Each structure stands twice: as structure tokens, then as C-alpha cells.
Amino acid sequence: MRPGWRFTRILYRLPLVFILPALVGCVRPSPTSSDTGQSQSVEAAETRSEDTPSPDRPLIEQLGTAVPAYSGRPTADAAHYDTTVPEGGALGNHTVAAGDTLGLLAQRYSTTVEQLMSLNGLTDPDLLQVGQTLQVPGVDIQKVVGPDFKIIPDSELLYGPGAKGFDAGAFLVKLGGYVTSYHEEVEGQSMDGPAILQLVADRHSVNPRLLIAIVEHQTGWITRPSPPSTTINLGYSGTGSPGFYGQLSWAANLLNLGFYGRAEGGLRGFNLGDDTQIAFSPIINDGTAGVQRYFGAVNDVTYDTWQQTVGAEGFLLTFTRLFGNPFAYTFEPLLPAGLDAPPMELPWDADETWYFTGGPHGAWNSGSAWGALDFVPPGEAGCVQSEAWVTSMTDGVVVRSGHGAVVIDMDGDNYAGTGWAITYMHLETRDRIALGTAVKTGDHLGHPSCEGGFSNGTHLHITRSYNGRWISADGDLPFVMSGWVSSGAGAEYDGYLTRGAASRVACVCREEVNAINR
């Protein structure tokens, strides 16, 4: 994807992470249909439980699904890093958080960009690193270490093995909350609440159980047919009215930002409000960091309310009431030792030349790993219909087809959240391969287009996941396609493909420097 602006990487610089996620284009479509906007589990309403809710039994168990047994409490992680942040220390500095720019900081601290650059010895106003400490004039900021309490395991944030077999739509319909009667238009298509939630889970590879618990905690829409408000508010307080899809996408992106930012991007904390910096405890896991990051961004949050929400008597109680103890669903390790990247073929027909336009960038939205690469076919620029074919890079089965994407499961179990899966994004509805089709390397999947999310030019966006975790294209497991190996250049969308002595550089162009012939 090459949108009209560039989201910068959590590892280096992040301008305005909180732009509405609905405007970004990278998709995992619904697992239960091709291009449906309705939940596929309406028949489940006939089996809705009439039992009186019991505080001793999670709702999912009362509705007939066994909950894994779990006792005790999760073990603290070995420290991921050292922290020297003093508890309650008052410091005249600012730790760069996702969304910070020198312009915004200058307004916040009643100064100028030039003064901030001078105070901190900066030469480029656009180069800020998340976690970087800046001197700021005249304002003291409370700097604290977040709680050690673990909220969820990593596998309960990701849409991975622990969520296999969970039908979010059926669960929501059985509960009969307001979300099941909610409808809105998403990318030109009318969708109901369960279908929207499933789409957001698929696109971000975020566990639908976690999203359901967040919606319930913030709104009561999951269990209450008549909640206090029928205007969705999951914490996004920006301009405009993003609706359920926009609010939930914003929340899912922050969950990913906390997870991947801490796991891979050097993210060590965030700003909460105007006067508090939170440093993640070094002994919490990345999944917990993701939940802490989301709840630290909701509108009107204070340090006291945030502490309560991320503690033992906060959000965890909502999750437990719905699904039981989240650590009962733990799956480890998500990335086994010795994991190798599978070799693949370039995703277009033999003897064609396509162009490498996007180096490593967000797999889906700005908070995810830099797992994606972009290619454009020969032809005119812009959103134009293309007769070129996107081809399968490997053998596999089509487990999702719709909303602009095709997802190929490589391990044969017909579930994208286990083993390797590949997402091909922005495939046109016309001629797109059907759900359930078995494919061989080189088979046609569809035509590149602008469909699915936001795109300002016909292209193909490819990304990989393993056990539901996005795999970086510039890390230890790069893409290997027809011998071409991906690497990054330190900024999102910048990067290279190399094969032996040959090298191609990502460029928003169709030139020899980025032309690749299969």
C-alpha cells in the first residue's frame, strides 16, 4: 500500500498514529464469507441460553462452550529491559510517544519547533524516535512505572491458535446485545455489528475475544439489548464520527501498537494526558502492554482511572465474566525456535515485469509489524482497472476471500491463525478466487486494484503471519520470493529486494531501479 501520506514506523518515528484507521488499506477479510456484510450466525439465536447469569460461570460457558481450566496466577516475565524511571519522579523532560511531532510539542509546551531543536541538538524536525527523551521548557511531567499486573497472555491479543474454533458471530447473537441489531456502511457496504467486529479482528489480526470484551467494558453493547448509549464510544475523541468500524479499528490499532511496539519497535511507554509519562513495567508481557496502551489513549482518561482499569479489578473482570480467565487460553510459543521463512515465488505471471513500490511497512494499519511489501503492475498510474493477474506465491487453501483480500493458509488446517498464512490485499472483486479453493504456486488469485481500505493507486500489498502474528519483512524472517530477499532501509516504505549481486529499491515509480521480471 502506498497511501497519500506515510505512516512512520514505531521503531523510528510516528506522526499522527491516531488518524482514523478506516483510511488505511491492508485487510484480512471475514473467515465465514466472501463479501457479506451480515453475520453468518443468525441461526444461533434459536439456541440462545435462557439461564440466569451466574457470577461463578463465564457467559460463554453458560451458552454451552467449555472453558479451559486454569488456576493460580501468571508468572512475571523475566525483565525485557532495564528501567531507571523513578516512581513518581518529577522531570523537566518529555518522552516521545506515538503521534508526537515537534509541531505538536511546541504547541503543548508553549514554545517553538526551533527552540525544541536547539534544546535537544536536533537537525531534522521530522526524525523523532518513540521513547526518545526531549528537554522541554517550563513544564514538569510526572514520570511513573506502570503496574506489574498481567492482564492477558500474548496469544489472547493475537488472532492465533488460541482463537481457533471460536465463532464470534454465534457468541454475539446468542447474547443478543445491542451490537447484533447495529448496522452501518463500511466501504460502501452495509454491515451488521458482528460482521464489523469480525472484519476488524481479521484485518488487524487481533483476537475477537479481546475486542468483544473491550466493546462490552466500554459500552455494554455485547450483553445489553438497550445499553445506556447507542452512540458508539470506544475512546476515540478525534474529529468526525468514525462509527463502530472506525472506533473498533482505532482500538485494535492501539492494541497492536502496544504489542508490536514493545516487542519489536523499542516502545517503552507512552504519555497519558498532558502531565504523566507511563513506562511499561519491564516484567509484563507484550500482550498486557497492548491493553495498557489502548486504555491509556481513551478520551478523558486520568492516571487514577487508567490504573484501576488495567488492574485486577478493572477490565480483567469484564473479560472473565464473558470468557473466563484469559490465561486459560494461553498458547506458547507463538514463534517456535528455529522457525524458517518458507521460500515463495513472485506473485505475478512468468515473463511479466512489475515494480517494487513499497518496502517494509505496516501489515495492517500503523500499529502492526512492518510485515508488508507493495508491487504495481505495468500500466497507468492511479486507481485503474488492470488485466494483470496476482498469482499464488505458494500452495495452500483460500481461507478468506472478500473485502479486497485473499488469504492463503499454508498448513492445510483451513485456519489462518495457525502456521504460515499469506494475505494478498487490494484484489478486485471481478475474477477474485473463491473461498475454499485449493491453489498451487502460480495459480491466479485475482486482479490488483484499489479495493479494500484506502488506496490511491492500483497495486498489490502482500504480508505474512505465523500463528496470527505479523512477520516483519525486514527482520530475521524476510520474504524470499524467487530468490529475491526483502530488507528495510530504516524508514517505513523504504527498502530493497536483493538477489545475488542484483538489487532493487522501493520507489513510487516505474523505472529500472525497481523493475522486477519473473
Protein backbone atom coordinates (compact mmCIF):
# COMPACT_ATOMS: atom_id res chain seq x y z
CA MET A 1 0.00 0.00 0.00
CA ARG A 2 1.20 3.48 -0.83
CA PRO A 3 -1.35 5.91 0.59
CA GLY A 4 -1.30 9.65 0.13
CA TRP A 5 0.66 10.03 3.37
CA ARG A 6 3.22 7.76 5.01
CA PHE A 7 2.76 6.31 8.46
CA THR A 8 6.21 6.13 10.02
CA ARG A 9 7.41 3.13 11.90
CA ILE A 10 7.09 2.65 15.63
CA LEU A 11 10.77 1.80 15.68
CA TYR A 12 11.80 5.21 14.43
CA ARG A 13 9.22 7.95 14.07
CA LEU A 14 5.45 8.01 14.24
CA PRO A 15 3.49 11.01 13.01
CA LEU A 16 -0.16 11.09 13.99
CA VAL A 17 -0.93 7.48 14.71
CA PHE A 18 -4.50 8.40 15.58
CA ILE A 19 -5.64 9.22 12.04
CA LEU A 20 -8.79 7.16 11.51
CA PRO A 21 -7.80 3.56 10.77
CA ALA A 22 -10.65 3.29 8.28
CA LEU A 23 -8.47 5.26 5.87
CA VAL A 24 -5.64 2.74 5.80
CA GLY A 25 -5.51 -0.12 3.32
CA CYS A 26 -4.40 -3.58 4.43
CA VAL A 27 -7.05 -6.28 5.00
CA ARG A 28 -7.76 -9.75 6.39
CA PRO A 29 -11.38 -10.36 5.36
CA SER A 30 -14.07 -12.28 7.19
CA PRO A 31 -13.41 -16.02 7.59
CA THR A 32 -17.03 -17.01 7.05
CA SER A 33 -18.00 -15.46 3.75
CA SER A 34 -16.88 -13.90 0.52
CA ASP A 35 -18.29 -10.35 0.50
CA THR A 36 -21.03 -10.46 3.10
CA GLY A 37 -21.94 -7.60 5.35
CA GLN A 38 -24.02 -9.70 7.74
CA SER A 39 -23.10 -12.11 10.49
CA GLN A 40 -23.23 -15.74 9.37
CA SER A 41 -24.54 -16.98 12.74
CA VAL A 42 -28.10 -15.63 12.92
CA GLU A 43 -29.40 -19.15 13.30
CA ALA A 44 -27.58 -19.26 16.62
CA ALA A 45 -30.28 -17.01 18.09
CA GLU A 46 -32.56 -20.05 18.20
CA THR A 47 -30.23 -21.70 20.70
CA ARG A 48 -29.85 -18.62 22.92
CA SER A 49 -29.44 -19.56 26.55
CA GLU A 50 -32.21 -18.61 28.96
CA ASP A 51 -30.12 -19.42 32.03
CA THR A 52 -29.86 -16.77 34.70
CA PRO A 53 -26.30 -15.39 34.55
CA SER A 54 -24.11 -16.69 37.34
CA PRO A 55 -21.10 -14.74 38.63
CA ASP A 56 -19.32 -18.08 39.06
CA ARG A 57 -19.67 -19.16 35.44
CA PRO A 58 -18.50 -17.12 32.43
CA LEU A 59 -21.19 -16.38 29.88
CA ILE A 60 -19.52 -18.43 27.15
CA GLU A 61 -19.79 -21.50 29.41
CA GLN A 62 -23.43 -20.77 30.20
CA LEU A 63 -24.04 -20.71 26.44
CA GLY A 64 -22.65 -24.21 26.05
CA THR A 65 -18.92 -23.81 25.32
CA ALA A 66 -16.46 -25.38 27.73
CA VAL A 67 -13.90 -23.02 29.26
CA PRO A 68 -10.32 -24.30 29.71
CA ALA A 69 -9.37 -24.92 33.32
CA TYR A 70 -6.91 -22.52 34.92
CA SER A 71 -5.78 -21.93 38.47
CA GLY A 72 -3.15 -19.78 40.06
CA ARG A 73 -1.75 -16.60 38.58
CA PRO A 74 0.55 -15.90 35.64
CA THR A 75 4.27 -15.78 36.25
CA ALA A 76 6.01 -12.44 35.84
CA ASP A 77 8.21 -12.22 32.74
CA ALA A 78 11.95 -12.07 33.07
CA ALA A 79 12.74 -8.37 32.68
CA HIS A 80 12.58 -7.44 29.00
CA TYR A 81 14.90 -4.46 29.61
CA ASP A 82 16.29 -2.31 32.39
CA THR A 83 14.37 0.71 33.56
CA THR A 84 15.70 3.54 35.64
CA VAL A 85 12.44 5.51 35.68
CA PRO A 86 11.87 6.77 39.25
CA GLU A 87 8.43 6.13 40.71
CA GLY A 88 6.67 9.50 40.89
CA GLY A 89 9.75 11.46 39.79
CA ALA A 90 9.11 14.98 38.50
CA LEU A 91 11.28 15.70 35.49
CA GLY A 92 11.55 18.65 33.12
CA ASN A 93 11.51 16.49 30.02
CA HIS A 94 9.19 14.71 27.62
CA THR A 95 9.34 11.11 26.37
CA VAL A 96 8.30 10.89 22.73
CA ALA A 97 5.13 8.86 22.31
CA ALA A 98 3.26 7.58 19.27
CA GLY A 99 1.72 10.55 17.50
CA ASP A 100 4.18 13.16 18.76
CA THR A 101 5.68 15.70 16.36
CA LEU A 102 7.81 18.73 17.17
CA GLY A 103 4.99 20.95 15.97
CA LEU A 104 2.51 19.41 18.39
CA LEU A 105 5.03 19.50 21.23
CA ALA A 106 5.81 23.15 20.55
CA GLN A 107 2.12 23.99 20.95
CA ARG A 108 1.80 21.84 24.05
CA TYR A 109 4.76 23.44 25.83
CA SER A 110 4.18 27.00 24.54
CA THR A 111 7.44 27.12 22.63
CA THR A 112 8.67 26.82 19.04
CA VAL A 113 9.99 24.00 16.89
CA GLU A 114 13.26 25.90 16.57
CA GLN A 115 13.67 26.13 20.35
CA LEU A 116 12.97 22.43 20.80
CA MET A 117 15.54 21.62 18.12
CA SER A 118 18.09 23.87 19.80
CA LEU A 119 17.44 22.45 23.28
CA ASN A 120 17.88 18.90 22.06
CA GLY A 121 20.55 19.27 19.37
CA LEU A 122 18.20 18.14 16.61
CA THR A 123 18.99 18.73 12.95
CA ASP A 124 15.91 17.20 11.34
CA PRO A 125 12.48 18.16 12.75
CA ASP A 126 10.90 15.03 11.26
CA LEU A 127 13.17 12.49 12.95
CA LEU A 128 11.74 11.56 16.35
CA GLN A 129 12.02 8.13 17.93
CA VAL A 130 9.34 6.70 20.19
CA GLY A 131 10.83 6.56 23.68
CA GLN A 132 13.31 9.37 22.98
CA THR A 133 13.66 11.88 25.84
CA LEU A 134 13.40 15.54 24.88
CA GLN A 135 14.12 18.57 27.04
CA VAL A 136 11.11 20.87 27.13
CA PRO A 137 10.89 24.34 28.66
CA GLY A 138 8.93 25.24 31.75
CA VAL A 139 6.83 22.15 32.36
CA ASP A 140 7.32 19.29 34.82
CA ILE A 141 5.92 15.89 33.87
CA GLN A 142 5.26 13.11 36.32
CA LYS A 143 7.07 10.01 35.16
CA VAL A 144 5.94 6.66 36.57
CA VAL A 145 6.38 2.94 36.01
CA GLY A 146 3.19 1.11 35.10
CA PRO A 147 1.83 -1.80 37.16
CA ASP A 148 3.36 -5.28 37.06
CA PHE A 149 -0.08 -6.90 36.83
CA LYS A 150 -0.52 -9.12 33.77
CA ILE A 151 -3.90 -8.75 32.07
CA ILE A 152 -3.78 -11.20 29.13
CA PRO A 153 -1.23 -13.55 27.54
CA ASP A 154 0.27 -12.60 24.17
CA SER A 155 -1.79 -15.25 22.42
CA GLU A 156 -5.01 -13.63 23.63
CA LEU A 157 -4.15 -10.38 21.87
CA LEU A 158 -3.31 -12.05 18.55
CA TYR A 159 -5.77 -13.84 16.29
CA GLY A 160 -3.83 -17.05 16.58
CA PRO A 161 -4.15 -20.69 17.70
CA GLY A 162 -5.95 -19.83 20.93
CA ALA A 163 -8.91 -18.42 18.99
CA LYS A 164 -9.32 -21.39 16.65
CA GLY A 165 -12.89 -22.63 16.74
CA PHE A 166 -14.29 -19.50 18.40
CA ASP A 167 -17.25 -18.20 16.38
CA ALA A 168 -17.56 -14.56 17.39
CA GLY A 169 -20.78 -14.04 15.42
CA ALA A 170 -22.55 -17.01 17.04
CA PHE A 171 -21.46 -15.89 20.50
CA LEU A 172 -22.71 -12.34 19.95
CA VAL A 173 -26.06 -13.47 18.55
CA LYS A 174 -26.64 -15.83 21.47
CA LEU A 175 -26.06 -12.99 23.93
CA GLY A 176 -28.45 -10.78 21.99
CA GLY A 177 -26.88 -7.45 22.91
CA TYR A 178 -27.35 -4.20 21.03
CA VAL A 179 -24.36 -4.94 18.78
CA THR A 180 -26.40 -7.59 16.94
CA SER A 181 -29.01 -5.05 15.81
CA TYR A 182 -26.49 -2.37 14.89
CA HIS A 183 -25.78 -1.61 11.21
CA GLU A 184 -23.57 0.85 9.39
CA GLU A 185 -21.96 1.23 5.98
CA VAL A 186 -18.31 0.20 5.70
CA GLU A 187 -16.51 0.95 2.44
CA GLY A 188 -19.79 1.15 0.57
CA GLN A 189 -21.29 -1.99 2.09
CA SER A 190 -23.98 -2.28 4.76
CA MET A 191 -22.71 -4.45 7.64
CA ASP A 192 -24.12 -5.56 10.96
CA GLY A 193 -22.25 -5.30 14.26
CA PRO A 194 -20.95 -8.89 14.45
CA ALA A 195 -19.70 -8.73 10.84
CA ILE A 196 -17.91 -5.43 11.57
CA LEU A 197 -16.23 -6.88 14.64
CA GLN A 198 -15.11 -9.94 12.67
CA LEU A 199 -13.74 -7.75 9.89
CA VAL A 200 -11.71 -5.64 12.33
CA ALA A 201 -10.36 -8.78 14.03
CA ASP A 202 -9.33 -10.24 10.67
CA ARG A 203 -7.81 -7.05 9.31
CA HIS A 204 -5.70 -6.35 12.39
CA SER A 205 -5.14 -10.00 13.37
CA VAL A 206 -6.43 -9.13 16.85
CA ASN A 207 -8.27 -11.77 18.87
CA PRO A 208 -12.05 -11.29 18.59
CA ARG A 209 -12.50 -12.30 22.24
CA LEU A 210 -10.39 -9.33 23.27
CA LEU A 211 -12.32 -6.95 21.01
CA ILE A 212 -15.64 -8.25 22.34
CA ALA A 213 -14.50 -7.72 25.93
CA ILE A 214 -13.37 -4.16 25.14
CA VAL A 215 -16.69 -3.31 23.50
CA GLU A 216 -18.56 -4.71 26.50
CA HIS A 217 -16.35 -2.92 29.02
CA GLN A 218 -16.69 0.43 27.29
CA THR A 219 -20.32 0.32 26.11
CA GLY A 220 -22.28 -2.71 27.35
CA TRP A 221 -23.27 -3.39 23.73
CA ILE A 222 -22.39 -7.09 23.94
CA THR A 223 -24.83 -8.18 26.68
CA ARG A 224 -27.37 -5.35 26.89
CA PRO A 225 -30.12 -5.02 24.25
CA SER A 226 -30.72 -1.46 25.49
CA PRO A 227 -27.35 -0.05 26.62
CA PRO A 228 -27.00 3.40 28.21
CA SER A 229 -25.94 4.85 24.85
CA THR A 230 -26.48 3.69 21.28
CA THR A 231 -23.75 6.04 20.06
CA ILE A 232 -20.54 4.05 19.98
CA ASN A 233 -17.61 5.36 22.00
CA LEU A 234 -14.57 3.16 22.50
CA GLY A 235 -12.38 6.13 23.35
CA TYR A 236 -11.67 7.85 20.05
CA SER A 237 -12.18 11.57 20.53
CA GLY A 238 -10.87 12.93 17.25
CA THR A 239 -12.84 14.94 14.74
CA GLY A 240 -15.66 13.36 12.80
CA SER A 241 -17.83 10.38 13.69
CA PRO A 242 -15.99 7.17 12.87
CA GLY A 243 -18.83 4.79 13.80
CA PHE A 244 -18.38 1.28 15.15
CA TYR A 245 -15.92 0.25 12.45
CA GLY A 246 -13.77 3.34 12.97
CA GLN A 247 -13.84 3.21 16.78
CA LEU A 248 -13.06 -0.51 16.88
CA SER A 249 -10.31 -0.19 14.27
CA TRP A 250 -8.77 2.62 16.32
CA ALA A 251 -8.82 0.39 19.41
CA ALA A 252 -7.38 -2.63 17.56
CA ASN A 253 -4.59 -0.49 16.13
CA LEU A 254 -3.62 0.72 19.62
CA LEU A 255 -3.60 -2.87 20.90
CA ASN A 256 -1.22 -3.76 18.08
CA LEU A 257 0.86 -0.63 18.67
CA GLY A 258 1.44 -1.61 22.29
CA PHE A 259 2.18 -5.22 21.38
CA TYR A 260 4.45 -4.82 18.34
CA GLY A 261 5.88 -1.52 19.50
CA ARG A 262 7.15 -3.09 22.71
CA ALA A 263 8.04 -6.47 21.18
CA GLU A 264 9.87 -5.16 18.10
CA GLY A 265 9.93 -1.38 17.99
CA GLY A 266 11.65 -0.25 21.17
CA LEU A 267 8.45 1.22 22.63
CA ARG A 268 8.95 1.54 26.38
CA GLY A 269 5.92 3.59 27.35
CA PHE A 270 3.57 6.40 26.38
CA ASN A 271 2.18 9.73 27.51
CA LEU A 272 -1.07 9.67 29.44
CA GLY A 273 -2.76 13.04 29.23
CA ASP A 274 -0.68 16.19 29.44
CA ASP A 275 1.24 15.58 32.63
CA THR A 276 2.10 11.87 33.03
CA GLN A 277 4.53 9.55 31.28
CA ILE A 278 3.94 5.83 31.70
CA ALA A 279 6.89 3.47 31.36
CA PHE A 280 5.84 -0.14 30.83
CA SER A 281 6.92 -2.38 33.68
CA PRO A 282 9.81 -4.49 32.35
CA ILE A 283 8.24 -7.69 33.72
CA ILE A 284 4.88 -7.55 31.95
CA ASN A 285 4.33 -9.32 28.64
CA ASP A 286 3.73 -7.61 25.31
CA GLY A 287 0.04 -8.54 25.23
CA THR A 288 -0.51 -6.73 28.52
CA ALA A 289 1.42 -3.74 27.15
CA GLY A 290 -1.03 -3.65 24.25
CA VAL A 291 -4.04 -3.49 26.57
CA GLN A 292 -2.37 -0.86 28.74
CA ARG A 293 -1.60 1.23 25.66
CA TYR A 294 -5.20 1.16 24.44
CA PHE A 295 -6.74 2.12 27.77
CA GLY A 296 -4.13 4.88 28.14
CA ALA A 297 -5.48 6.57 24.99
CA VAL A 298 -9.23 6.62 25.61
CA ASN A 299 -10.84 10.02 25.95
CA ASP A 300 -10.99 11.56 29.44
CA VAL A 301 -8.57 9.01 30.91
CA THR A 302 -6.68 10.00 34.04
CA TYR A 303 -3.78 8.26 35.73
CA ASP A 304 -6.07 7.05 38.52
CA THR A 305 -8.77 5.70 36.19
CA TRP A 306 -6.14 4.06 33.98
CA GLN A 307 -4.57 2.29 36.97
CA GLN A 308 -7.96 0.98 38.04
CA THR A 309 -8.84 -0.22 34.53
CA VAL A 310 -5.58 -2.13 33.96
CA GLY A 311 -5.55 -3.61 37.47
CA ALA A 312 -7.09 -6.79 38.86
CA GLU A 313 -10.49 -5.14 39.46
CA GLY A 314 -10.82 -3.45 36.08
CA PHE A 315 -11.06 -4.68 32.51
CA LEU A 316 -9.99 -8.18 33.52
CA LEU A 317 -13.28 -8.67 35.37
CA THR A 318 -15.21 -7.91 32.18
CA PHE A 319 -13.14 -10.39 30.17
CA THR A 320 -13.51 -13.03 32.88
CA ARG A 321 -17.28 -12.56 33.09
CA LEU A 322 -17.51 -13.21 29.35
CA PHE A 323 -14.84 -15.86 28.72
CA GLY A 324 -13.20 -16.96 31.96
CA ASN A 325 -9.56 -16.41 32.85
CA PRO A 326 -7.68 -15.20 29.74
CA PHE A 327 -4.58 -17.17 30.73
CA ALA A 328 -6.57 -20.39 30.35
CA TYR A 329 -6.33 -19.79 26.59
CA THR A 330 -2.54 -19.33 26.53
CA PHE A 331 -0.68 -20.78 23.55
CA GLU A 332 3.12 -20.75 23.69
CA PRO A 333 5.45 -20.30 21.96
CA LEU A 334 3.84 -18.32 19.17
CA LEU A 335 7.11 -18.30 17.24
CA PRO A 336 8.96 -21.58 17.83
CA ALA A 337 12.73 -21.71 17.97
CA GLY A 338 14.32 -22.39 14.60
CA LEU A 339 11.35 -21.11 12.60
CA ASP A 340 12.30 -20.56 8.96
CA ALA A 341 10.63 -18.37 6.37
CA PRO A 342 9.16 -20.53 3.60
CA PRO A 343 10.52 -19.86 0.11
CA MET A 344 7.97 -18.38 -2.28
CA GLU A 345 7.60 -17.27 -5.87
CA LEU A 346 6.95 -13.72 -7.03
CA PRO A 347 3.17 -13.08 -7.14
CA TRP A 348 2.65 -12.47 -10.85
CA ASP A 349 2.79 -14.40 -14.10
CA ALA A 350 6.09 -15.55 -15.61
CA ASP A 351 7.82 -13.17 -18.03
CA GLU A 352 5.95 -10.14 -16.67
CA THR A 353 7.68 -7.11 -15.16
CA TRP A 354 6.14 -5.50 -12.08
CA TYR A 355 7.52 -2.66 -9.97
CA PHE A 356 8.57 -2.66 -6.32
CA THR A 357 6.88 0.44 -4.88
CA GLY A 358 6.68 -0.21 -1.14
CA GLY A 359 9.39 -1.56 1.14
CA PRO A 360 8.63 -2.95 4.61
CA HIS A 361 5.59 -1.20 6.12
CA GLY A 362 2.58 -1.91 8.31
CA ALA A 363 0.95 -5.27 7.71
CA TRP A 364 -2.35 -3.61 8.54
CA ASN A 365 -2.53 -0.06 9.89
CA SER A 366 0.23 1.88 11.60
CA GLY A 367 0.42 -0.15 14.82
CA SER A 368 1.28 -3.54 13.34
CA ALA A 369 4.65 -5.02 12.43
CA TRP A 370 6.38 -3.86 9.24
CA GLY A 371 5.27 -7.03 7.51
CA ALA A 372 4.15 -5.82 4.07
CA LEU A 373 5.59 -5.13 0.62
CA ASP A 374 3.88 -3.38 -2.31
CA PHE A 375 4.07 -4.00 -6.06
CA VAL A 376 2.34 -2.38 -9.05
CA PRO A 377 1.69 -4.00 -12.43
CA PRO A 378 2.62 -2.34 -15.71
CA GLY A 379 0.11 0.23 -16.90
CA GLU A 380 -1.26 3.61 -15.97
CA ALA A 381 -0.97 5.20 -12.53
CA GLY A 382 -3.98 5.75 -10.28
CA CYS A 383 -6.94 3.54 -9.46
CA VAL A 384 -7.36 1.91 -12.86
CA GLN A 385 -8.68 -1.49 -13.82
CA SER A 386 -5.86 -3.92 -14.54
CA GLU A 387 -5.92 -7.12 -16.57
CA ALA A 388 -2.74 -8.36 -14.87
CA TRP A 389 -3.09 -11.34 -12.54
CA VAL A 390 -1.91 -11.72 -8.97
CA THR A 391 -0.66 -15.30 -8.57
CA SER A 392 -0.24 -17.53 -5.55
CA MET A 393 3.25 -17.48 -4.09
CA THR A 394 2.81 -20.95 -2.54
CA ASP A 395 0.50 -23.93 -2.38
CA GLY A 396 -2.40 -23.63 0.04
CA VAL A 397 -6.12 -23.12 0.56
CA VAL A 398 -8.12 -19.91 0.28
CA VAL A 399 -9.50 -19.40 3.79
CA ARG A 400 -10.69 -15.82 3.30
CA SER A 401 -11.84 -14.04 0.17
CA GLY A 402 -13.57 -10.69 0.32
CA HIS A 403 -13.27 -7.03 1.24
CA GLY A 404 -10.38 -6.69 -1.21
CA ALA A 405 -8.26 -9.55 0.11
CA VAL A 406 -7.39 -13.18 -0.41
CA VAL A 407 -5.80 -15.11 2.45
CA ILE A 408 -3.98 -18.38 1.74
CA ASP A 409 -3.48 -20.87 4.56
CA MET A 410 -0.32 -22.90 4.01
CA ASP A 411 -0.58 -25.64 6.64
CA GLY A 412 -3.76 -27.35 5.47
CA ASP A 413 -5.97 -26.84 8.54
CA ASN A 414 -8.14 -24.17 6.89
CA TYR A 415 -7.42 -21.58 9.60
CA ALA A 416 -5.19 -18.56 9.02
CA GLY A 417 -4.28 -18.28 12.72
CA THR A 418 -2.11 -21.40 12.84
CA GLY A 419 1.17 -21.77 10.99
CA TRP A 420 2.00 -19.65 7.97
CA ALA A 421 -0.60 -17.63 6.10
CA ILE A 422 -0.25 -15.05 3.32
CA THR A 423 -2.56 -12.10 2.77
CA TYR A 424 -2.89 -10.63 -0.74
CA MET A 425 -4.54 -7.22 -0.46
CA HIS A 426 -6.40 -4.93 -2.89
CA LEU A 427 -7.67 -7.70 -5.18
CA GLU A 428 -10.62 -6.64 -7.31
CA THR A 429 -13.99 -8.34 -6.83
CA ARG A 430 -14.02 -9.24 -10.53
CA ASP A 431 -12.44 -12.70 -11.02
CA ARG A 432 -11.30 -12.95 -7.40
CA ILE A 433 -10.74 -16.56 -6.37
CA ALA A 434 -13.46 -18.21 -4.30
CA LEU A 435 -13.34 -19.14 -0.65
CA GLY A 436 -12.25 -22.75 -0.07
CA THR A 437 -10.30 -23.13 -3.33
CA ALA A 438 -7.13 -25.23 -3.15
CA VAL A 439 -4.31 -23.47 -5.01
CA LYS A 440 -0.90 -24.33 -6.36
CA THR A 441 2.02 -21.96 -6.76
CA GLY A 442 1.36 -19.73 -9.75
CA ASP A 443 -2.44 -20.09 -9.77
CA HIS A 444 -4.40 -16.92 -10.49
CA LEU A 445 -5.97 -15.24 -7.43
CA GLY A 446 -7.40 -12.03 -8.91
CA HIS A 447 -6.51 -8.65 -10.36
CA PRO A 448 -4.71 -5.85 -8.47
CA SER A 449 -6.89 -2.83 -7.71
CA CYS A 450 -7.68 -0.21 -5.07
CA GLU A 451 -10.35 -2.31 -3.32
CA GLY A 452 -10.21 -2.82 0.42
CA GLY A 453 -9.35 0.01 2.80
CA PHE A 454 -7.71 3.12 1.39
CA SER A 455 -5.51 3.09 -1.68
CA ASN A 456 -4.78 5.83 -4.21
CA GLY A 457 -3.37 3.54 -6.88
CA THR A 458 -3.87 0.03 -8.26
CA HIS A 459 -1.34 -2.24 -6.59
CA LEU A 460 -0.75 -5.45 -4.65
CA HIS A 461 0.01 -5.47 -0.92
CA ILE A 462 1.38 -8.76 0.47
CA THR A 463 2.06 -9.73 4.05
CA ARG A 464 2.65 -12.89 6.08
CA SER A 465 1.63 -14.12 9.51
CA TYR A 466 2.66 -17.06 11.64
CA ASN A 467 0.28 -18.22 14.38
CA GLY A 468 -1.57 -14.93 13.90
CA ARG A 469 1.50 -12.77 14.46
CA TRP A 470 2.54 -10.44 11.64
CA ILE A 471 6.07 -11.27 10.46
CA SER A 472 8.33 -8.32 9.68
CA ALA A 473 9.67 -8.05 6.14
CA ASP A 474 12.91 -6.50 7.41
CA GLY A 475 13.62 -8.78 10.36
CA ASP A 476 15.08 -12.24 10.89
CA LEU A 477 12.46 -13.86 8.61
CA PRO A 478 12.42 -11.74 5.43
CA PHE A 479 10.42 -12.51 2.33
CA VAL A 480 12.26 -14.83 -0.06
CA MET A 481 10.48 -14.74 -3.45
CA SER A 482 12.05 -16.35 -6.49
CA GLY A 483 15.38 -15.74 -4.77
CA TRP A 484 14.67 -12.05 -4.05
CA VAL A 485 15.16 -11.22 -0.35
CA SER A 486 13.47 -8.26 1.35
CA SER A 487 15.23 -5.80 3.64
CA GLY A 488 14.50 -2.39 5.14
CA ALA A 489 16.23 0.97 4.90
CA GLY A 490 15.28 2.45 8.26
CA ALA A 491 12.06 4.24 7.31
CA GLU A 492 8.63 2.86 6.55
CA TYR A 493 8.08 2.02 2.86
CA ASP A 494 11.82 2.31 2.15
CA GLY A 495 13.69 -0.89 1.42
CA TYR A 496 15.31 -3.27 -1.01
CA LEU A 497 14.93 -6.58 -2.74
CA THR A 498 18.22 -8.32 -3.49
CA ARG A 499 19.12 -11.48 -5.36
CA GLY A 500 22.82 -12.19 -5.54
CA ALA A 501 24.50 -9.06 -6.88
CA ALA A 502 21.22 -7.60 -8.18
CA SER A 503 19.33 -5.05 -6.10
CA ARG A 504 16.04 -3.21 -6.50
CA VAL A 505 14.98 -0.22 -4.40
CA ALA A 506 11.42 0.62 -3.43
CA CYS A 507 10.27 3.66 -5.39
CA VAL A 508 6.95 5.31 -6.23
CA CYS A 509 7.83 4.97 -9.88
CA ARG A 510 8.08 2.54 -12.78
CA GLU A 511 11.77 2.62 -13.57
CA GLU A 512 14.70 0.26 -13.93
CA VAL A 513 15.68 0.76 -10.27
CA ASN A 514 12.50 -1.01 -9.06
CA ALA A 515 11.59 -3.22 -12.03
CA ILE A 516 11.48 -6.96 -11.34
CA ASN A 517 10.89 -9.55 -14.03
CA ARG A 518 9.69 -13.01 -13.10
